[in-house]
C-alpha atoms as a PDB file:
ATOM      1  CA  UNK A   1       0.000   0.000   0.000  1.00  0.00           C
ATOM      2  CA  UNK A   2       1.286   3.474  -0.920  1.00  0.00           C
ATOM      3  CA  UNK A   3       1.662   6.159   1.716  1.00  0.00           C
ATOM      4  CA  UNK A   4      -0.725   9.075   1.414  1.00  0.00           C
ATOM      5  CA  UNK A   5       0.583  12.158  -0.360  1.00  0.00           C
ATOM      6  CA  UNK A   6       1.262  15.049   2.018  1.00  0.00           C
ATOM      7  CA  UNK A   7      -1.275  17.856   2.016  1.00  0.00           C
ATOM      8  CA  UNK A   8      -0.289  21.441   1.219  1.00  0.00           C
ATOM      9  CA  UNK A   9      -1.047  22.257   4.858  1.00  0.00           C
ATOM     10  CA  UNK A  10       1.699  19.851   5.952  1.00  0.00           C
ATOM     11  CA  UNK A  11       4.271  21.372   3.591  1.00  0.00           C
ATOM     12  CA  UNK A  12       6.828  23.696   5.153  1.00  0.00           C
ATOM     13  CA  UNK A  13       6.050  27.383   4.541  1.00  0.00           C
ATOM     14  CA  UNK A  14       9.535  28.101   3.284  1.00  0.00           C
ATOM     15  CA  UNK A  15      12.028  26.058   1.307  1.00  0.00           C
ATOM     16  CA  UNK A  16      15.749  26.125   1.959  1.00  0.00           C
ATOM     17  CA  UNK A  17      18.018  26.770  -1.012  1.00  0.00           C
ATOM     18  CA  UNK A  18      21.682  27.556  -1.371  1.00  0.00           C
ATOM     19  CA  UNK A  19      20.927  31.303  -1.063  1.00  0.00           C
ATOM     20  CA  UNK A  20      18.746  30.931   2.030  1.00  0.00           C
ATOM     21  CA  UNK A  21      15.032  30.511   2.635  1.00  0.00           C
ATOM     22  CA  UNK A  22      12.680  31.417  -0.211  1.00  0.00           C
ATOM     23  CA  UNK A  23       8.911  31.726  -0.555  1.00  0.00           C
ATOM     24  CA  UNK A  24       6.552  32.070  -3.503  1.00  0.00           C
ATOM     25  CA  UNK A  25       5.912  35.713  -4.316  1.00  0.00           C
ATOM     26  CA  UNK A  26       2.124  35.317  -4.357  1.00  0.00           C
ATOM     27  CA  UNK A  27       2.213  33.670  -0.953  1.00  0.00           C
ATOM     28  CA  UNK A  28       4.455  36.421   0.454  1.00  0.00           C
ATOM     29  CA  UNK A  29       2.151  39.190  -0.850  1.00  0.00           C
ATOM     30  CA  UNK A  30      -0.740  37.391   0.846  1.00  0.00           C
ATOM     31  CA  UNK A  31       1.218  36.910   4.102  1.00  0.00           C
ATOM     32  CA  UNK A  32       2.164  40.601   4.114  1.00  0.00           C
ATOM     33  CA  UNK A  33      -1.532  41.513   3.649  1.00  0.00           C
ATOM     34  CA  UNK A  34      -1.156  43.452   0.417  1.00  0.00           C
ATOM     35  CA  UNK A  35      -3.937  41.356  -1.141  1.00  0.00           C
ATOM     36  CA  UNK A  36      -6.926  39.705   0.531  1.00  0.00           C
ATOM     37  CA  UNK A  37      -6.590  36.209  -0.896  1.00  0.00           C
ATOM     38  CA  UNK A  38      -3.792  34.140  -2.287  1.00  0.00           C
ATOM     39  CA  UNK A  39      -5.658  33.649  -5.555  1.00  0.00           C
ATOM     40  CA  UNK A  40      -5.930  37.447  -5.925  1.00  0.00           C
ATOM     41  CA  UNK A  41      -2.199  37.699  -5.255  1.00  0.00           C
ATOM     42  CA  UNK A  42      -1.535  35.044  -7.880  1.00  0.00           C
ATOM     43  CA  UNK A  43      -3.700  36.877 -10.441  1.00  0.00           C
ATOM     44  CA  UNK A  44      -2.044  40.196  -9.584  1.00  0.00           C
ATOM     45  CA  UNK A  45       1.443  38.807 -10.154  1.00  0.00           C
ATOM     46  CA  UNK A  46       0.382  37.003 -13.324  1.00  0.00           C
ATOM     47  CA  UNK A  47      -1.579  39.919 -14.742  1.00  0.00           C
ATOM     48  CA  UNK A  48       0.272  43.112 -13.986  1.00  0.00           C
ATOM     49  CA  UNK A  49       3.621  41.615 -13.112  1.00  0.00           C
ATOM     50  CA  UNK A  50       5.806  42.424 -10.169  1.00  0.00           C
ATOM     51  CA  UNK A  51       9.429  43.489 -10.297  1.00  0.00           C
ATOM     52  CA  UNK A  52      11.800  41.600  -8.036  1.00  0.00           C
ATOM     53  CA  UNK A  53      15.084  43.497  -7.724  1.00  0.00           C
ATOM     54  CA  UNK A  54      14.238  45.315 -10.967  1.00  0.00           C
ATOM     55  CA  UNK A  55      13.463  42.174 -12.971  1.00  0.00           C
ATOM     56  CA  UNK A  56       9.854  41.771 -14.100  1.00  0.00           C
ATOM     57  CA  UNK A  57       8.202  38.484 -13.231  1.00  0.00           C
ATOM     58  CA  UNK A  58       4.736  37.272 -14.199  1.00  0.00           C
ATOM     59  CA  UNK A  59       4.967  33.877 -12.536  1.00  0.00           C
ATOM     60  CA  UNK A  60       3.263  33.580  -9.145  1.00  0.00           C
ATOM     61  CA  UNK A  61       5.728  30.816  -8.260  1.00  0.00           C
ATOM     62  CA  UNK A  62       8.719  33.141  -8.532  1.00  0.00           C
ATOM     63  CA  UNK A  63      10.895  33.059  -5.441  1.00  0.00           C
ATOM     64  CA  UNK A  64      11.346  35.918  -3.025  1.00  0.00           C
ATOM     65  CA  UNK A  65      13.845  36.004  -0.158  1.00  0.00           C
ATOM     66  CA  UNK A  66      14.761  38.410   2.599  1.00  0.00           C
ATOM     67  CA  UNK A  67      16.548  41.460   1.215  1.00  0.00           C
ATOM     68  CA  UNK A  68      14.690  41.529  -2.129  1.00  0.00           C
ATOM     69  CA  UNK A  69      13.067  44.748  -3.322  1.00  0.00           C
ATOM     70  CA  UNK A  70       9.585  44.368  -4.830  1.00  0.00           C
ATOM     71  CA  UNK A  71       7.976  46.991  -7.063  1.00  0.00           C
ATOM     72  CA  UNK A  72       4.319  46.659  -8.011  1.00  0.00           C
ATOM     73  CA  UNK A  73       1.249  48.764  -8.717  1.00  0.00           C
ATOM     74  CA  UNK A  74      -1.598  48.510  -6.237  1.00  0.00           C
ATOM     75  CA  UNK A  75      -4.672  50.762  -5.921  1.00  0.00           C
ATOM     76  CA  UNK A  76      -3.341  53.657  -8.043  1.00  0.00           C
ATOM     77  CA  UNK A  77      -0.028  53.625  -6.149  1.00  0.00           C
ATOM     78  CA  UNK A  78       3.328  52.178  -7.085  1.00  0.00           C
ATOM     79  CA  UNK A  79       4.602  50.307  -4.061  1.00  0.00           C
ATOM     80  CA  UNK A  80       8.330  49.795  -3.492  1.00  0.00           C
ATOM     81  CA  UNK A  81       8.830  47.261  -0.719  1.00  0.00           C
ATOM     82  CA  UNK A  82      11.957  45.749   0.801  1.00  0.00           C
ATOM     83  CA  UNK A  83      11.380  42.222   2.128  1.00  0.00           C
ATOM     84  CA  UNK A  84      12.714  41.885   5.678  1.00  0.00           C
ATOM     85  CA  UNK A  85      11.367  38.417   6.514  1.00  0.00           C
ATOM     86  CA  UNK A  86       9.289  35.712   4.889  1.00  0.00           C
ATOM     87  CA  UNK A  87       6.829  34.850   7.626  1.00  0.00           C
ATOM     88  CA  UNK A  88       5.401  31.442   8.381  1.00  0.00           C
ATOM     89  CA  UNK A  89       1.711  32.372   8.291  1.00  0.00           C
ATOM     90  CA  UNK A  90      -0.751  35.126   7.461  1.00  0.00           C
ATOM     91  CA  UNK A  91      -1.033  36.631  10.887  1.00  0.00           C
ATOM     92  CA  UNK A  92      -2.404  39.881  12.288  1.00  0.00           C
ATOM     93  CA  UNK A  93      -1.562  43.229  10.718  1.00  0.00           C
ATOM     94  CA  UNK A  94       1.313  44.169  13.087  1.00  0.00           C
ATOM     95  CA  UNK A  95       2.953  40.819  12.347  1.00  0.00           C
ATOM     96  CA  UNK A  96       2.484  41.369   8.601  1.00  0.00           C
ATOM     97  CA  UNK A  97       3.953  44.887   8.751  1.00  0.00           C
ATOM     98  CA  UNK A  98       7.097  43.473  10.344  1.00  0.00           C
ATOM     99  CA  UNK A  99       7.755  41.500   7.136  1.00  0.00           C
ATOM    100  CA  UNK A 100       8.642  44.546   5.011  1.00  0.00           C
ATOM    101  CA  UNK A 101       9.803  48.143   4.850  1.00  0.00           C
ATOM    102  CA  UNK A 102       8.041  50.601   2.550  1.00  0.00           C
ATOM    103  CA  UNK A 103      10.680  52.417   0.481  1.00  0.00           C
ATOM    104  CA  UNK A 104       8.280  54.599  -1.539  1.00  0.00           C
ATOM    105  CA  UNK A 105       7.612  58.087  -0.224  1.00  0.00           C
ATOM    106  CA  UNK A 106       4.105  58.659   1.089  1.00  0.00           C
ATOM    107  CA  UNK A 107       1.638  59.713  -1.580  1.00  0.00           C
ATOM    108  CA  UNK A 108       0.801  63.421  -1.519  1.00  0.00           C
ATOM    109  CA  UNK A 109      -2.625  64.240  -0.206  1.00  0.00           C
ATOM    110  CA  UNK A 110      -4.943  65.135  -3.027  1.00  0.00           C
ATOM    111  CA  UNK A 111      -6.286  68.664  -2.879  1.00  0.00           C
ATOM    112  CA  UNK A 112     -10.019  69.097  -3.121  1.00  0.00           C
ATOM    113  CA  UNK A 113     -11.048  69.264  -6.753  1.00  0.00           C
ATOM    114  CA  UNK A 114     -12.695  72.669  -7.364  1.00  0.00           C
ATOM    115  CA  UNK A 115     -15.063  71.060  -9.869  1.00  0.00           C
ATOM    116  CA  UNK A 116     -16.375  68.486  -7.411  1.00  0.00           C
ATOM    117  CA  UNK A 117     -19.745  69.656  -6.100  1.00  0.00           C
ATOM    118  CA  UNK A 118     -19.923  70.246  -2.383  1.00  0.00           C
ATOM    119  CA  UNK A 119     -22.413  68.027  -0.610  1.00  0.00           C
ATOM    120  CA  UNK A 120     -24.565  70.167   1.632  1.00  0.00           C
ATOM    121  CA  UNK A 121     -24.636  69.154   5.260  1.00  0.00           C
ATOM    122  CA  UNK A 122     -27.448  69.482   7.727  1.00  0.00           C
ATOM    123  CA  UNK A 123     -27.235  69.696  11.457  1.00  0.00           C
ATOM    124  CA  UNK A 124     -28.224  66.562  13.278  1.00  0.00           C
ATOM    125  CA  UNK A 125     -31.636  66.658  14.852  1.00  0.00           C
ATOM    126  CA  UNK A 126     -33.122  69.240  12.470  1.00  0.00           C
ATOM    127  CA  UNK A 127     -35.453  66.691  10.883  1.00  0.00           C
ATOM    128  CA  UNK A 128     -36.318  66.318   7.247  1.00  0.00           C
ATOM    129  CA  UNK A 129     -35.616  69.237   4.938  1.00  0.00           C
ATOM    130  CA  UNK A 130     -38.621  71.359   4.081  1.00  0.00           C
ATOM    131  CA  UNK A 131     -39.589  72.089   0.503  1.00  0.00           C
ATOM    132  CA  UNK A 132     -37.774  75.421   0.794  1.00  0.00           C
ATOM    133  CA  UNK A 133     -34.627  73.688   2.126  1.00  0.00           C
ATOM    134  CA  UNK A 134     -34.753  71.127  -0.674  1.00  0.00           C
ATOM    135  CA  UNK A 135     -34.985  73.836  -3.324  1.00  0.00           C
ATOM    136  CA  UNK A 136     -31.997  75.621  -1.759  1.00  0.00           C
ATOM    137  CA  UNK A 137     -30.044  72.356  -1.837  1.00  0.00           C
ATOM    138  CA  UNK A 138     -30.990  71.833  -5.499  1.00  0.00           C
ATOM    139  CA  UNK A 139     -29.842  75.385  -6.371  1.00  0.00           C
ATOM    140  CA  UNK A 140     -26.562  74.798  -4.569  1.00  0.00           C
ATOM    141  CA  UNK A 141     -25.946  71.560  -6.452  1.00  0.00           C
ATOM    142  CA  UNK A 142     -26.806  73.162  -9.770  1.00  0.00           C
ATOM    143  CA  UNK A 143     -29.784  70.914 -10.562  1.00  0.00           C
END
């Protein structure tokens, strides 16, 4: 009788190579909480590509190790991340933030667009707007 094949859950989270411990890039992005699921991380790497030390990779199985610099686009921002550790699991946010250092400068705060209409506010407890209030709101919004 053949022994049962080991499950993925039984597999070690990192694999030792000659250069040290390595981990799949999609799994690391998931561990570091950049993406919600591992399948989203895999699609992100395969679709948009991620640069590892300046070299573009589109394979989710590409290896990442401590000391690598990752560059990728995420939510209208280009993220430049230095990998500090690989991590053994997808833990809480403080544990995930200890896995990397953000090398990109913080994004500048967007100034209010002058063409964006202002949403009128009403004081709490004043009830529903009257017909006169509603017409004033409509005039203010340009309707």
